[in-house]
C-alpha atoms as a PDB file:
ATOM      1  CA  MET A   1       9.855  20.607   3.311  1.00  0.00           C
ATOM      2  CA  LEU A   2       8.645  17.029   3.495  1.00  0.00           C
ATOM      3  CA  HIS A   3       8.936  15.121   0.263  1.00  0.00           C
ATOM      4  CA  THR A   4       8.012  11.610  -0.779  1.00  0.00           C
ATOM      5  CA  GLN A   5       8.713   9.769  -3.963  1.00  0.00           C
ATOM      6  CA  VAL A   6       6.655   7.149  -5.769  1.00  0.00           C
ATOM      7  CA  GLN A   7       8.116   4.792  -8.295  1.00  0.00           C
ATOM      8  CA  ASN A   8       5.782   2.891 -10.604  1.00  0.00           C
ATOM      9  CA  ILE A   9       6.893  -0.655 -11.240  1.00  0.00           C
ATOM     10  CA  SER A  10       5.427  -2.726 -14.033  1.00  0.00           C
ATOM     11  CA  VAL A  11       5.438  -6.451 -13.322  1.00  0.00           C
ATOM     12  CA  SER A  12       4.865  -8.979 -16.063  1.00  0.00           C
ATOM     13  CA  GLN A  13       2.401 -11.617 -14.849  1.00  0.00           C
ATOM     14  CA  ALA A  14       1.532 -13.264 -18.140  1.00  0.00           C
ATOM     15  CA  LYS A  15       2.463 -12.992 -21.773  1.00  0.00           C
ATOM     16  CA  THR A  16      -0.360 -10.523 -22.461  1.00  0.00           C
ATOM     17  CA  ALA A  17      -0.838  -8.603 -19.232  1.00  0.00           C
ATOM     18  CA  ASN A  18       1.124  -6.229 -17.058  1.00  0.00           C
ATOM     19  CA  LYS A  19      -0.048  -4.892 -13.736  1.00  0.00           C
ATOM     20  CA  ARG A  20       1.385  -1.972 -11.844  1.00  0.00           C
ATOM     21  CA  TYR A  21       2.020  -1.592  -8.172  1.00  0.00           C
ATOM     22  CA  GLN A  22       3.555   1.410  -6.515  1.00  0.00           C
ATOM     23  CA  LEU A  23       6.560   1.567  -4.259  1.00  0.00           C
ATOM     24  CA  VAL A  24       6.244   4.549  -1.934  1.00  0.00           C
ATOM     25  CA  TYR A  25       9.650   5.804  -0.797  1.00  0.00           C
ATOM     26  CA  ALA A  26       9.789   7.652   2.521  1.00  0.00           C
ATOM     27  CA  GLU A  27      12.703   8.797   4.637  1.00  0.00           C
ATOM     28  CA  ASP A  28      11.110   8.327   8.068  1.00  0.00           C
ATOM     29  CA  ASP A  29       7.912   7.485   9.967  1.00  0.00           C
ATOM     30  CA  ILE A  30       6.568  11.039   9.729  1.00  0.00           C
ATOM     31  CA  VAL A  31       6.834  11.110   5.946  1.00  0.00           C
ATOM     32  CA  SER A  32       5.409   7.579   5.780  1.00  0.00           C
ATOM     33  CA  SER A  33       2.426   8.627   7.884  1.00  0.00           C
ATOM     34  CA  LEU A  34       1.734  11.685   5.725  1.00  0.00           C
ATOM     35  CA  GLU A  35       1.936   9.695   2.508  1.00  0.00           C
ATOM     36  CA  LEU A  36      -0.221   6.959   4.032  1.00  0.00           C
ATOM     37  CA  LEU A  37      -2.875   9.527   4.943  1.00  0.00           C
ATOM     38  CA  LYS A  38      -2.888  10.828   1.342  1.00  0.00           C
ATOM     39  CA  ILE A  39      -3.352   7.311  -0.033  1.00  0.00           C
ATOM     40  CA  LEU A  40      -6.054   6.440   2.515  1.00  0.00           C
ATOM     41  CA  TYR A  41      -7.921   9.663   1.746  1.00  0.00           C
ATOM     42  CA  ARG A  42      -7.889   8.919  -1.981  1.00  0.00           C
ATOM     43  CA  CYS A  43      -8.970   5.298  -1.498  1.00  0.00           C
ATOM     44  CA  ASN A  44     -11.676   6.350   0.962  1.00  0.00           C
ATOM     45  CA  SER A  45     -13.583   8.070  -1.835  1.00  0.00           C
ATOM     46  CA  LEU A  46     -13.891   4.794  -3.775  1.00  0.00           C
ATOM     47  CA  HIS A  47     -16.445   3.348  -1.313  1.00  0.00           C
ATOM     48  CA  ARG A  48     -14.612   0.052  -0.935  1.00  0.00           C
ATOM     49  CA  TRP A  49     -12.417  -1.390   1.780  1.00  0.00           C
ATOM     50  CA  THR A  50      -8.742  -0.572   2.156  1.00  0.00           C
ATOM     51  CA  LEU A  51      -6.523  -3.347   3.523  1.00  0.00           C
ATOM     52  CA  LEU A  52      -3.586  -2.080   5.553  1.00  0.00           C
ATOM     53  CA  ILE A  53      -1.031  -4.776   6.379  1.00  0.00           C
ATOM     54  CA  ALA A  54       1.094  -2.790   8.730  1.00  0.00           C
ATOM     55  CA  PRO A  55       3.844  -2.689  11.266  1.00  0.00           C
ATOM     56  CA  ASP A  56       2.990  -1.099  14.592  1.00  0.00           C
ATOM     57  CA  ASN A  57       3.457   2.550  13.567  1.00  0.00           C
ATOM     58  CA  ILE A  58       0.128   3.378  11.922  1.00  0.00           C
ATOM     59  CA  PRO A  59      -1.932   6.560  12.331  1.00  0.00           C
ATOM     60  CA  SER A  60      -4.373   6.656  15.239  1.00  0.00           C
ATOM     61  CA  LYS A  61      -8.139   6.673  14.801  1.00  0.00           C
ATOM     62  CA  ALA A  62      -8.188  10.315  15.955  1.00  0.00           C
ATOM     63  CA  LEU A  63      -5.712  11.297  13.231  1.00  0.00           C
ATOM     64  CA  LEU A  64      -7.769   9.422  10.627  1.00  0.00           C
ATOM     65  CA  ASP A  65     -10.931  11.194  11.789  1.00  0.00           C
ATOM     66  CA  ASN A  66      -9.198  14.590  11.694  1.00  0.00           C
ATOM     67  CA  SER A  67      -8.068  13.816   8.130  1.00  0.00           C
ATOM     68  CA  SER A  68     -11.660  13.018   7.041  1.00  0.00           C
ATOM     69  CA  ILE A  69     -10.862   9.344   6.543  1.00  0.00           C
ATOM     70  CA  ASP A  70     -13.661   6.906   7.366  1.00  0.00           C
ATOM     71  CA  SER A  71     -11.919   4.304   9.523  1.00  0.00           C
ATOM     72  CA  SER A  72     -14.901   1.951   9.161  1.00  0.00           C
ATOM     73  CA  LYS A  73     -13.674   1.213   5.607  1.00  0.00           C
ATOM     74  CA  LEU A  74     -10.141   0.450   6.786  1.00  0.00           C
ATOM     75  CA  LEU A  75      -9.165  -3.114   7.661  1.00  0.00           C
ATOM     76  CA  VAL A  76      -5.884  -3.114   9.593  1.00  0.00           C
ATOM     77  CA  LEU A  77      -3.945  -6.348   9.977  1.00  0.00           C
ATOM     78  CA  ARG A  78      -0.802  -6.223  12.055  1.00  0.00           C
ATOM     79  CA  GLN A  79       2.199  -8.114  10.757  1.00  0.00           C
ATOM     80  CA  ARG A  80       2.487 -10.142  13.946  1.00  0.00           C
ATOM     81  CA  HIS A  81      -1.101 -11.446  13.578  1.00  0.00           C
ATOM     82  CA  LEU A  82      -0.677 -12.844  10.072  1.00  0.00           C
ATOM     83  CA  ILE A  83      -0.112 -16.530   9.496  1.00  0.00           C
ATOM     84  CA  ASN A  84      -0.439 -16.743   5.703  1.00  0.00           C
ATOM     85  CA  LEU A  85       0.399 -13.364   4.164  1.00  0.00           C
ATOM     86  CA  GLU A  86       0.239 -14.576   0.559  1.00  0.00           C
ATOM     87  CA  TYR A  87      -3.279 -15.962   1.022  1.00  0.00           C
ATOM     88  CA  VAL A  88      -4.530 -12.740   2.647  1.00  0.00           C
ATOM     89  CA  ILE A  89      -3.170 -10.485  -0.103  1.00  0.00           C
ATOM     90  CA  ASN A  90      -4.273 -12.735  -2.975  1.00  0.00           C
ATOM     91  CA  SER A  91      -7.770 -12.990  -1.452  1.00  0.00           C
ATOM     92  CA  ALA A  92      -8.002  -9.203  -1.189  1.00  0.00           C
ATOM     93  CA  LEU A  93      -6.889  -8.830  -4.807  1.00  0.00           C
ATOM     94  CA  CYS A  94      -9.279 -11.466  -6.169  1.00  0.00           C
ATOM     95  CA  LYS A  95     -12.485 -10.645  -4.275  1.00  0.00           C
ATOM     96  CA  GLY A  96     -12.958  -7.128  -5.661  1.00  0.00           C
ATOM     97  CA  ASN A  97     -14.012  -5.660  -2.302  1.00  0.00           C
ATOM     98  CA  PHE A  98     -10.845  -3.642  -1.768  1.00  0.00           C
ATOM     99  CA  ALA A  99      -9.832  -0.321  -3.300  1.00  0.00           C
ATOM    100  CA  ALA A 100      -6.234  -0.848  -2.191  1.00  0.00           C
ATOM    101  CA  VAL A 101      -3.819  -3.084  -0.349  1.00  0.00           C
ATOM    102  CA  ILE A 102      -1.127  -1.145   1.509  1.00  0.00           C
ATOM    103  CA  THR A 103       1.941  -2.714   3.089  1.00  0.00           C
ATOM    104  CA  TRP A 104       5.678  -2.212   3.739  1.00  0.00           C
ATOM    105  CA  THR A 105       8.759  -3.833   2.181  1.00  0.00           C
ATOM    106  CA  ASP A 106       9.874  -5.142   5.548  1.00  0.00           C
ATOM    107  CA  ILE A 107       6.633  -7.186   5.491  1.00  0.00           C
ATOM    108  CA  VAL A 108       6.383  -7.961   1.756  1.00  0.00           C
ATOM    109  CA  SER A 109       9.413  -7.957  -0.524  1.00  0.00           C
ATOM    110  CA  GLU A 110       9.385  -6.673  -4.095  1.00  0.00           C
ATOM    111  CA  GLN A 111       9.902 -10.273  -5.216  1.00  0.00           C
ATOM    112  CA  GLN A 112       6.771 -11.364  -3.324  1.00  0.00           C
ATOM    113  CA  LEU A 113       4.811  -8.466  -4.833  1.00  0.00           C
ATOM    114  CA  SER A 114       5.651  -9.712  -8.298  1.00  0.00           C
ATOM    115  CA  GLN A 115       4.148 -13.123  -7.455  1.00  0.00           C
ATOM    116  CA  PHE A 116       0.722 -11.929  -6.311  1.00  0.00           C
ATOM    117  CA  LYS A 117      -2.348 -12.273  -8.533  1.00  0.00           C
ATOM    118  CA  LEU A 118      -2.387  -8.720  -9.855  1.00  0.00           C
ATOM    119  CA  ILE A 119      -3.589  -9.372 -13.412  1.00  0.00           C
ATOM    120  CA  ASP A 120      -7.375  -9.340 -13.135  1.00  0.00           C
ATOM    121  CA  SER A 121      -7.611  -7.138 -10.073  1.00  0.00           C
ATOM    122  CA  ASP A 122      -8.599  -3.489 -10.043  1.00  0.00           C
ATOM    123  CA  THR A 123      -7.242  -3.226  -6.497  1.00  0.00           C
ATOM    124  CA  GLU A 124      -4.272  -0.883  -6.205  1.00  0.00           C
ATOM    125  CA  VAL A 125      -1.201  -2.108  -4.340  1.00  0.00           C
ATOM    126  CA  PHE A 126       1.067   0.303  -2.458  1.00  0.00           C
ATOM    127  CA  CYS A 127       4.237  -0.803  -0.736  1.00  0.00           C
ATOM    128  CA  PHE A 128       6.145   1.587   1.535  1.00  0.00           C
ATOM    129  CA  THR A 129       9.921   1.387   1.680  1.00  0.00           C
ATOM    130  CA  ARG A 130      12.667   3.383   3.380  1.00  0.00           C
ATOM    131  CA  THR A 131      15.128   5.586   1.516  1.00  0.00           C
ATOM    132  CA  SER A 132      18.331   7.279   2.520  1.00  0.00           C
ATOM    133  CA  GLY A 133      16.810  10.570   1.436  1.00  0.00           C
ATOM    134  CA  HIS A 134      18.943  11.084  -1.655  1.00  0.00           C
ATOM    135  CA  GLU A 135      17.668   8.408  -4.020  1.00  0.00           C
ATOM    136  CA  VAL A 136      15.943   9.487  -7.205  1.00  0.00           C
ATOM    137  CA  SER A 137      12.881   7.652  -8.476  1.00  0.00           C
ATOM    138  CA  VAL A 138      11.347   7.387 -11.914  1.00  0.00           C
ATOM    139  CA  VAL A 139       8.176   9.287 -10.956  1.00  0.00           C
ATOM    140  CA  ALA A 140       8.185  11.849  -8.147  1.00  0.00           C
ATOM    141  CA  HIS A 141       5.258  13.839  -6.810  1.00  0.00           C
END
């Protein structure tokens, strides 16, 4: 049985505000792809863009179509094409046009995530990371 784990992390950005982002733990590319499809499907119903800052192993357009995910609402930026990652993510968070920003910890570290402008944004942030398969998270689903 395939299983993924999500850990909610609360990051203090100011004295009065906390914002949550989610680390998505996956053992391999197959589990990552399945969890990514679940997140994309959920975000697709919000009628806003989804920003996917990704390595090269992302689902194909055919797989997205078969999963009832509208790829016209998905903006995919490959890691190798980014010059200023911080600017891109902060712009997505501040503009209000995005339902979610999805990335990987080999692209964005947890420390970088804590520095983004998450306070006044209703954009969800998901960050995929690899596990050894035996780690336990705070919240599992």
